[in-house]
Amino acid sequence: MTVSTPLPFSAPRTPALDSRLPDVGTTIFTVMSELAAQKGAVNLGQGFPDFDCDPQLVNAVTGAMQRGLNQYPPMAGVPVLREAVAAKLASLYGRSYDPGSEITITAGATQAIITIILAVVHPGDEVIVLEPCYDSYVPNIELAGGIVVRVPLTPGTFRPDFEKIRAALSPRTRAIIVNSPHNPSATVWTEAEMLLLQDLLSPTDVLLISDEVYEHMVFDAGQGHVHQSAARFAALAARAFIVSSFGKTYHVTGWKVGYVAAPASLTAEFRKVHQFNVFTVNTPVQHALAAYMQDARPYLELPAFYQRKRDLFRSGLENTRFKLLPSEGSYFQCADFSAVSGLGEAEFCRWLTAEIGVAAIPLSALYLDGFEQGIVRFCFAKKDETLQLALDRLARL
């Protein structure tokens, strides 16, 4: 019998990792929310409501659970919810999507976007992002091995610069990500801008990732403002993954449920990745959302609901030295603080949180190079009393 010699004892050791995202730290939204909690500040930084959703929606989830709808649903989502989404898209934007092969229910919009990118971006492919942008876009592209091509929106107005977009297109461009209504600037793309994008992309094979999570928050309808979904434009819809969020629409951001609409060939590739990075989404919530969507009023009335909050917040800020930028959509308000302080944006937000008691987000955090404009972003998706408390504190400025 052979007796093996024991290996010399060594202390337990955690192997070192070569980071896939070496330049990524904690998101600015988490940082500012934690600071707000530490300082007892009103958190107008992270974009989530502090009020409850419709009790009928909660009851619908409870009812679905009690009916035994608690096991895996189909990978692409329960059919009745996909049918409801397709009906909404047809009604609002005039585009017919097949619920069986062109609508997929996702675990929120963030999961939807990384799944799209992993499905279509190969190492070395270029993806155009328009800065400032939601902070998941760039890490998603990098995880797929893609090359981020940054094109700045016009400083001050945050409108797309189509000459710069045209110059950024190359034979290696795989996709462009467009977000309207826009986080963080609250700008909304016009029909003319969408048509320019359509003309620009039509001769190419570039895919469009259209982040439309704030689609039901476009203000000043009396002035003719409407959400210009990529679904409205045939040549864009043919190449587009359209992303939306039930969490944003129904005040349930913690439920993390969204959807992607795309042509069948694109959806087939999307689902190949979706089935392995999330497989499927919370069953009772899907059934509840399907039932709740039978009444269109909650999302049709959402623009007026948030416009009133926007107007309340803007009215209060007019009594301060902040210079207000337009807020055309979403639930954000950007403000120039250059008349208040000469601090950099991140330092000003820390000071505002600690000394004034109101948390905001520095726009510079949403640019690669930390581009400074003296602008911060507030979220007004809050109870009126929360907004009033913040305004009372900001009045000191």
Protein backbone atom coordinates (compact mmCIF):
# COMPACT_ATOMS: atom_id res chain seq x y z
CA MET A 1 0.00 0.00 0.00
CA THR A 2 1.30 3.42 -0.95
CA VAL A 3 1.02 6.19 1.61
CA SER A 4 0.87 9.70 0.19
CA THR A 5 2.89 12.43 1.81
CA PRO A 6 0.70 15.23 3.16
CA LEU A 7 1.17 18.60 1.47
CA PRO A 8 2.65 21.35 3.64
CA PHE A 9 -0.03 23.30 5.48
CA SER A 10 -0.90 26.70 4.09
CA ALA A 11 -3.39 29.22 5.38
CA PRO A 12 -6.71 29.52 3.52
CA ARG A 13 -6.34 31.92 0.63
CA THR A 14 -8.86 33.67 -1.59
CA PRO A 15 -7.54 33.76 -5.15
CA ALA A 16 -7.04 37.19 -6.70
CA LEU A 17 -9.28 38.15 -9.60
CA ASP A 18 -8.51 39.98 -12.81
CA SER A 19 -11.55 42.27 -12.79
CA ARG A 20 -13.90 42.27 -15.77
CA LEU A 21 -14.79 45.86 -14.84
CA PRO A 22 -11.63 47.35 -13.34
CA ASP A 23 -12.81 50.94 -13.61
CA VAL A 24 -16.23 50.40 -12.06
CA GLY A 25 -16.94 51.31 -8.45
CA THR A 26 -20.17 51.74 -6.52
CA THR A 27 -22.85 53.49 -8.57
CA ILE A 28 -23.40 57.17 -7.82
CA PHE A 29 -27.06 56.44 -7.04
CA THR A 30 -26.09 54.07 -4.23
CA VAL A 31 -23.42 56.46 -2.94
CA MET A 32 -25.79 59.42 -2.72
CA SER A 33 -28.64 57.36 -1.25
CA GLU A 34 -26.34 56.05 1.49
CA LEU A 35 -25.11 59.58 2.25
CA ALA A 36 -28.71 60.84 2.35
CA ALA A 37 -29.60 58.14 4.88
CA GLN A 38 -26.56 58.95 7.02
CA LYS A 39 -27.34 62.68 7.07
CA GLY A 40 -31.12 62.43 7.35
CA ALA A 41 -31.46 64.25 4.03
CA VAL A 42 -34.44 64.25 1.68
CA ASN A 43 -33.39 61.84 -1.05
CA LEU A 44 -34.14 63.47 -4.40
CA GLY A 45 -31.16 61.68 -5.91
CA GLN A 46 -32.09 58.10 -6.75
CA GLY A 47 -35.05 57.82 -9.10
CA PHE A 48 -37.78 55.99 -7.23
CA PRO A 49 -41.18 57.01 -5.83
CA ASP A 50 -41.67 57.28 -2.07
CA PHE A 51 -45.43 56.70 -2.40
CA ASP A 52 -47.39 53.48 -2.76
CA CYS A 53 -48.75 51.94 -5.92
CA ASP A 54 -52.46 51.38 -6.55
CA PRO A 55 -53.76 48.92 -3.90
CA GLN A 56 -55.62 47.11 -6.68
CA LEU A 57 -52.29 46.08 -8.17
CA VAL A 58 -51.06 44.66 -4.86
CA ASN A 59 -54.37 42.84 -4.45
CA ALA A 60 -53.99 41.40 -7.93
CA VAL A 61 -50.57 39.95 -7.01
CA THR A 62 -51.99 38.48 -3.80
CA GLY A 63 -54.90 37.01 -5.73
CA ALA A 64 -52.58 35.42 -8.27
CA MET A 65 -50.55 33.84 -5.46
CA GLN A 66 -53.69 32.55 -3.77
CA ARG A 67 -54.84 31.00 -7.06
CA GLY A 68 -51.66 28.95 -7.11
CA LEU A 69 -49.84 30.89 -9.84
CA ASN A 70 -46.47 30.44 -8.15
CA GLN A 71 -44.45 28.14 -10.40
CA TYR A 72 -42.29 28.85 -13.44
CA PRO A 73 -44.12 30.70 -16.20
CA PRO A 74 -43.10 30.34 -19.85
CA MET A 75 -39.55 31.57 -20.43
CA ALA A 76 -40.68 34.54 -22.56
CA GLY A 77 -43.40 35.59 -20.11
CA VAL A 78 -47.00 34.63 -19.47
CA PRO A 79 -48.97 34.89 -22.73
CA VAL A 80 -51.71 37.11 -21.32
CA LEU A 81 -49.16 39.77 -20.30
CA ARG A 82 -47.36 39.64 -23.64
CA GLU A 83 -50.74 40.06 -25.32
CA ALA A 84 -51.50 43.09 -23.15
CA VAL A 85 -48.15 44.67 -24.03
CA ALA A 86 -48.70 44.07 -27.75
CA ALA A 87 -52.17 45.61 -27.52
CA LYS A 88 -50.77 48.70 -25.78
CA LEU A 89 -48.03 49.17 -28.39
CA ALA A 90 -50.54 48.84 -31.21
CA SER A 91 -52.94 51.28 -29.58
CA LEU A 92 -50.39 53.96 -28.70
CA TYR A 93 -47.86 53.69 -31.53
CA GLY A 94 -49.65 51.91 -34.37
CA ARG A 95 -47.13 49.06 -34.54
CA SER A 96 -48.25 45.44 -34.48
CA TYR A 97 -45.99 43.07 -32.53
CA ASP A 98 -46.67 39.35 -32.34
CA PRO A 99 -46.94 38.52 -28.61
CA GLY A 100 -45.65 35.00 -29.20
CA SER A 101 -42.46 35.83 -31.10
CA GLU A 102 -41.80 39.56 -30.58
CA ILE A 103 -42.57 40.43 -26.93
CA THR A 104 -40.46 39.20 -23.99
CA ILE A 105 -41.05 39.94 -20.30
CA THR A 106 -37.85 40.79 -18.44
CA ALA A 107 -36.61 41.23 -14.88
CA GLY A 108 -36.66 44.99 -15.27
CA ALA A 109 -35.22 47.26 -17.94
CA THR A 110 -31.62 46.98 -16.72
CA GLN A 111 -31.68 43.21 -17.24
CA ALA A 112 -33.31 43.76 -20.62
CA ILE A 113 -30.53 46.08 -21.77
CA ILE A 114 -27.62 43.87 -20.75
CA THR A 115 -29.36 40.88 -22.32
CA ILE A 116 -29.76 42.75 -25.61
CA ILE A 117 -26.11 43.75 -25.60
CA LEU A 118 -24.87 40.25 -24.75
CA ALA A 119 -27.06 38.87 -27.53
CA VAL A 120 -25.90 41.16 -30.33
CA VAL A 121 -22.49 42.62 -29.46
CA HIS A 122 -19.38 40.57 -30.29
CA PRO A 123 -15.84 41.36 -29.14
CA GLY A 124 -14.57 44.35 -31.08
CA ASP A 125 -18.02 45.61 -32.10
CA GLU A 126 -18.64 49.30 -31.49
CA VAL A 127 -21.71 50.62 -29.69
CA ILE A 128 -22.57 54.32 -29.69
CA VAL A 129 -23.81 55.83 -26.45
CA LEU A 130 -25.00 59.42 -26.09
CA GLU A 131 -23.57 61.10 -23.00
CA PRO A 132 -24.66 61.72 -20.31
CA CYS A 133 -26.26 58.30 -20.07
CA TYR A 134 -27.68 55.81 -17.61
CA ASP A 135 -24.75 54.22 -15.86
CA SER A 136 -25.37 50.58 -16.84
CA TYR A 137 -24.87 51.06 -20.58
CA VAL A 138 -21.09 51.27 -20.65
CA PRO A 139 -20.32 48.34 -18.29
CA ASN A 140 -22.80 46.20 -20.26
CA ILE A 141 -20.95 46.89 -23.50
CA GLU A 142 -17.58 46.22 -21.88
CA LEU A 143 -18.78 42.89 -20.43
CA ALA A 144 -19.72 41.84 -23.97
CA GLY A 145 -16.25 42.75 -25.23
CA GLY A 146 -17.61 45.67 -27.21
CA ILE A 147 -16.02 49.08 -27.74
CA VAL A 148 -17.88 52.06 -26.32
CA VAL A 149 -18.07 55.04 -28.68
CA ARG A 150 -19.21 58.09 -26.75
CA VAL A 151 -21.02 60.92 -28.49
CA PRO A 152 -21.96 63.90 -26.32
CA LEU A 153 -25.43 65.35 -26.39
CA THR A 154 -25.30 69.11 -26.96
CA PRO A 155 -24.22 70.70 -23.66
CA GLY A 156 -26.92 72.80 -22.06
CA THR A 157 -29.80 71.56 -24.23
CA PHE A 158 -28.96 67.83 -24.33
CA ARG A 159 -30.30 67.52 -27.88
CA PRO A 160 -28.74 64.91 -30.22
CA ASP A 161 -25.98 66.19 -32.51
CA PHE A 162 -26.53 64.21 -35.70
CA GLU A 163 -23.31 65.33 -37.34
CA LYS A 164 -21.37 63.89 -34.41
CA ILE A 165 -23.46 60.72 -34.50
CA ARG A 166 -22.82 60.40 -38.24
CA ALA A 167 -19.09 60.86 -37.69
CA ALA A 168 -19.12 58.13 -35.01
CA LEU A 169 -20.64 55.52 -37.33
CA SER A 170 -18.16 53.05 -38.76
CA PRO A 171 -18.18 49.62 -40.41
CA ARG A 172 -17.69 48.18 -36.89
CA THR A 173 -20.75 49.91 -35.39
CA ARG A 174 -23.14 47.23 -34.14
CA ALA A 175 -25.69 49.35 -32.25
CA ILE A 176 -26.63 52.74 -30.89
CA ILE A 177 -28.45 53.27 -27.59
CA VAL A 178 -31.05 56.03 -27.48
CA ASN A 179 -32.98 57.02 -24.36
CA SER A 180 -36.11 59.18 -24.56
CA PRO A 181 -37.49 60.59 -22.31
CA HIS A 182 -33.91 61.02 -21.21
CA ASN A 183 -32.29 60.18 -17.91
CA PRO A 184 -30.73 62.39 -16.59
CA SER A 185 -31.60 65.51 -18.60
CA ALA A 186 -35.42 65.06 -18.91
CA THR A 187 -35.30 65.95 -22.61
CA VAL A 188 -37.67 64.21 -25.06
CA TRP A 189 -36.75 63.44 -28.65
CA THR A 190 -38.98 65.09 -31.26
CA GLU A 191 -40.52 63.47 -34.31
CA ALA A 192 -38.05 65.38 -36.49
CA GLU A 193 -35.12 63.99 -34.50
CA MET A 194 -36.43 60.44 -34.76
CA LEU A 195 -36.82 60.87 -38.51
CA LEU A 196 -33.23 62.11 -38.75
CA LEU A 197 -32.09 59.04 -36.81
CA GLN A 198 -34.13 56.83 -39.14
CA ASP A 199 -32.55 58.41 -42.22
CA LEU A 200 -29.08 58.09 -40.69
CA LEU A 201 -29.42 54.40 -39.84
CA SER A 202 -31.42 53.23 -42.88
CA PRO A 203 -28.40 52.55 -45.16
CA THR A 204 -26.61 50.65 -42.35
CA ASP A 205 -26.96 47.40 -40.42
CA VAL A 206 -26.74 49.23 -37.10
CA LEU A 207 -29.21 48.06 -34.47
CA LEU A 208 -31.16 50.49 -32.29
CA ILE A 209 -31.56 49.90 -28.55
CA SER A 210 -34.38 52.25 -27.61
CA ASP A 211 -34.61 52.77 -23.84
CA GLU A 212 -38.17 54.01 -23.34
CA VAL A 213 -38.70 53.33 -19.64
CA TYR A 214 -40.21 56.81 -19.10
CA GLU A 215 -42.51 56.52 -22.13
CA HIS A 216 -45.61 57.50 -20.14
CA MET A 217 -44.05 60.63 -18.64
CA VAL A 218 -44.08 63.23 -21.42
CA PHE A 219 -45.39 66.63 -20.37
CA ASP A 220 -47.16 69.62 -21.90
CA ALA A 221 -49.44 67.60 -24.16
CA GLY A 222 -51.33 70.82 -24.89
CA GLN A 223 -48.25 71.96 -26.80
CA GLY A 224 -48.34 68.81 -28.91
CA HIS A 225 -45.68 66.89 -27.02
CA VAL A 226 -45.98 63.09 -27.26
CA HIS A 227 -43.60 60.19 -26.77
CA GLN A 228 -41.94 59.35 -30.07
CA SER A 229 -41.41 55.63 -29.62
CA ALA A 230 -39.16 53.89 -32.12
CA ALA A 231 -42.24 51.74 -32.76
CA ARG A 232 -43.84 54.69 -34.57
CA PHE A 233 -41.21 54.64 -37.34
CA ALA A 234 -41.19 51.63 -39.66
CA ALA A 235 -37.50 51.70 -40.55
CA LEU A 236 -36.50 52.15 -36.90
CA ALA A 237 -38.90 49.50 -35.58
CA ALA A 238 -37.42 47.01 -38.05
CA ARG A 239 -34.01 47.28 -36.36
CA ALA A 240 -35.01 48.22 -32.81
CA PHE A 241 -35.13 46.56 -29.44
CA ILE A 242 -37.66 48.66 -27.52
CA VAL A 243 -37.30 48.52 -23.74
CA SER A 244 -39.86 49.63 -21.17
CA SER A 245 -40.52 49.25 -17.45
CA PHE A 246 -43.63 48.34 -15.49
CA GLY A 247 -41.80 49.49 -12.37
CA LYS A 248 -41.51 53.06 -13.64
CA THR A 249 -45.05 53.12 -15.01
CA TYR A 250 -46.87 51.69 -12.00
CA HIS A 251 -44.69 53.01 -9.13
CA VAL A 252 -43.26 49.57 -8.28
CA THR A 253 -39.56 49.92 -9.10
CA GLY A 254 -38.68 47.18 -6.60
CA TRP A 255 -40.66 44.58 -8.51
CA LYS A 256 -38.13 44.73 -11.37
CA VAL A 257 -40.36 43.77 -14.28
CA GLY A 258 -40.10 45.18 -17.80
CA TYR A 259 -40.35 44.07 -21.39
CA VAL A 260 -38.60 44.10 -24.75
CA ALA A 261 -40.37 44.40 -28.09
CA ALA A 262 -38.40 43.56 -31.22
CA PRO A 263 -38.81 41.87 -34.61
CA ALA A 264 -38.99 38.09 -34.41
CA SER A 265 -35.45 37.46 -35.70
CA LEU A 266 -33.98 39.85 -33.12
CA THR A 267 -36.20 38.48 -30.37
CA ALA A 268 -35.03 34.93 -31.10
CA GLU A 269 -31.42 35.94 -30.43
CA PHE A 270 -32.44 37.97 -27.37
CA ARG A 271 -34.24 34.98 -25.86
CA LYS A 272 -31.20 32.73 -26.31
CA VAL A 273 -29.41 34.89 -23.74
CA HIS A 274 -32.47 35.73 -21.65
CA GLN A 275 -33.14 32.06 -20.91
CA PHE A 276 -29.68 31.66 -19.38
CA ASN A 277 -29.19 34.92 -17.49
CA VAL A 278 -32.63 35.11 -15.85
CA PHE A 279 -34.72 32.36 -17.53
CA THR A 280 -38.04 33.88 -16.52
CA VAL A 281 -39.75 36.45 -14.34
CA ASN A 282 -41.92 36.45 -11.20
CA THR A 283 -45.12 34.59 -12.08
CA PRO A 284 -47.81 36.16 -9.85
CA VAL A 285 -46.59 39.68 -10.64
CA GLN A 286 -46.87 38.96 -14.36
CA HIS A 287 -50.47 37.79 -13.99
CA ALA A 288 -51.30 40.81 -11.84
CA LEU A 289 -49.83 43.22 -14.37
CA ALA A 290 -51.76 41.56 -17.17
CA ALA A 291 -55.02 42.02 -15.30
CA TYR A 292 -54.17 45.60 -14.32
CA MET A 293 -53.32 46.57 -17.90
CA GLN A 294 -56.86 45.88 -19.03
CA ASP A 295 -57.58 49.42 -17.83
CA ALA A 296 -55.41 51.90 -19.74
CA ARG A 297 -56.19 54.84 -17.48
CA PRO A 298 -53.28 54.35 -15.05
CA TYR A 299 -50.66 54.88 -17.76
CA LEU A 300 -52.72 57.33 -19.81
CA GLU A 301 -53.14 59.55 -16.74
CA LEU A 302 -49.50 59.32 -15.71
CA PRO A 303 -48.29 62.40 -17.66
CA ALA A 304 -50.74 64.67 -15.83
CA PHE A 305 -49.89 63.02 -12.49
CA TYR A 306 -46.18 63.74 -12.83
CA GLN A 307 -46.59 67.08 -14.56
CA ARG A 308 -48.36 68.40 -11.48
CA LYS A 309 -45.42 67.25 -9.33
CA ARG A 310 -42.96 68.76 -11.80
CA ASP A 311 -44.78 72.09 -11.69
CA LEU A 312 -44.94 72.05 -7.89
CA PHE A 313 -41.21 71.39 -7.66
CA ARG A 314 -40.26 73.93 -10.33
CA SER A 315 -42.42 76.59 -8.70
CA GLY A 316 -40.60 76.09 -5.40
CA LEU A 317 -37.15 76.11 -7.00
CA GLU A 318 -37.89 79.44 -8.66
CA ASN A 319 -37.47 80.97 -5.20
CA THR A 320 -33.84 79.83 -5.11
CA ARG A 321 -30.71 80.75 -7.07
CA PHE A 322 -30.91 77.53 -9.09
CA LYS A 323 -31.38 78.02 -12.84
CA LEU A 324 -33.93 75.47 -14.04
CA LEU A 325 -33.42 73.51 -17.23
CA PRO A 326 -36.47 72.31 -19.19
CA SER A 327 -38.10 69.13 -17.90
CA GLU A 328 -39.95 67.70 -20.89
CA GLY A 329 -40.38 64.14 -19.63
CA SER A 330 -39.31 61.49 -17.09
CA TYR A 331 -39.52 62.40 -13.39
CA PHE A 332 -36.32 64.42 -13.24
CA GLN A 333 -35.49 68.09 -13.01
CA CYS A 334 -32.00 69.37 -13.78
CA ALA A 335 -30.75 72.63 -12.35
CA ASP A 336 -27.69 74.83 -12.87
CA PHE A 337 -26.18 75.73 -9.47
CA SER A 338 -23.42 78.05 -10.72
CA ALA A 339 -25.07 81.04 -9.00
CA VAL A 340 -25.16 79.10 -5.73
CA SER A 341 -21.65 77.63 -5.53
CA GLY A 342 -18.37 77.30 -7.36
CA LEU A 343 -17.86 73.73 -6.18
CA GLY A 344 -17.57 70.83 -8.60
CA GLU A 345 -20.76 68.86 -9.16
CA ALA A 346 -19.92 65.84 -6.98
CA GLU A 347 -18.59 68.03 -4.16
CA PHE A 348 -21.63 70.29 -4.37
CA CYS A 349 -23.96 67.28 -4.11
CA ARG A 350 -22.13 66.06 -1.02
CA TRP A 351 -22.33 69.54 0.51
CA LEU A 352 -26.01 69.88 -0.41
CA THR A 353 -26.78 66.54 1.23
CA ALA A 354 -24.76 67.11 4.40
CA GLU A 355 -25.39 70.82 5.01
CA ILE A 356 -28.75 71.59 3.39
CA GLY A 357 -30.33 68.16 3.80
CA VAL A 358 -31.31 67.42 0.20
CA ALA A 359 -29.62 64.78 -1.96
CA ALA A 360 -29.16 65.20 -5.72
CA ILE A 361 -27.09 63.53 -8.46
CA PRO A 362 -24.12 65.22 -10.19
CA LEU A 363 -24.45 65.01 -13.98
CA SER A 364 -20.67 64.67 -14.26
CA ALA A 365 -20.98 61.14 -12.81
CA LEU A 366 -22.77 60.10 -16.00
CA TYR A 367 -19.92 61.14 -18.30
CA LEU A 368 -16.73 59.09 -18.77
CA ASP A 369 -14.46 62.10 -18.28
CA GLY A 370 -16.55 63.66 -15.49
CA PHE A 371 -17.52 66.59 -17.73
CA GLU A 372 -18.48 69.51 -15.48
CA GLN A 373 -21.35 71.87 -16.32
CA GLY A 374 -22.44 72.96 -12.87
CA ILE A 375 -25.65 70.92 -13.17
CA VAL A 376 -27.36 68.51 -10.77
CA ARG A 377 -30.38 66.25 -11.20
CA PHE A 378 -33.30 66.07 -8.78
CA CYS A 379 -36.05 63.41 -8.78
CA PHE A 380 -39.58 64.70 -8.14
CA ALA A 381 -41.29 61.27 -8.01
CA LYS A 382 -42.09 61.91 -4.37
CA LYS A 383 -45.04 62.68 -2.10
CA ASP A 384 -46.03 66.33 -2.09
CA GLU A 385 -44.95 66.62 1.53
CA THR A 386 -41.52 65.18 0.65
CA LEU A 387 -41.13 67.70 -2.14
CA GLN A 388 -42.26 70.54 0.12
CA LEU A 389 -39.78 69.53 2.82
CA ALA A 390 -36.99 69.54 0.23
CA LEU A 391 -38.12 72.90 -1.11
CA ASP A 392 -38.22 74.40 2.39
CA ARG A 393 -34.59 73.34 2.86
CA LEU A 394 -33.51 74.47 -0.59
CA ALA A 395 -35.11 77.89 0.04
CA ARG A 396 -32.05 78.64 2.18
CA LEU A 397 -30.14 78.87 -1.11
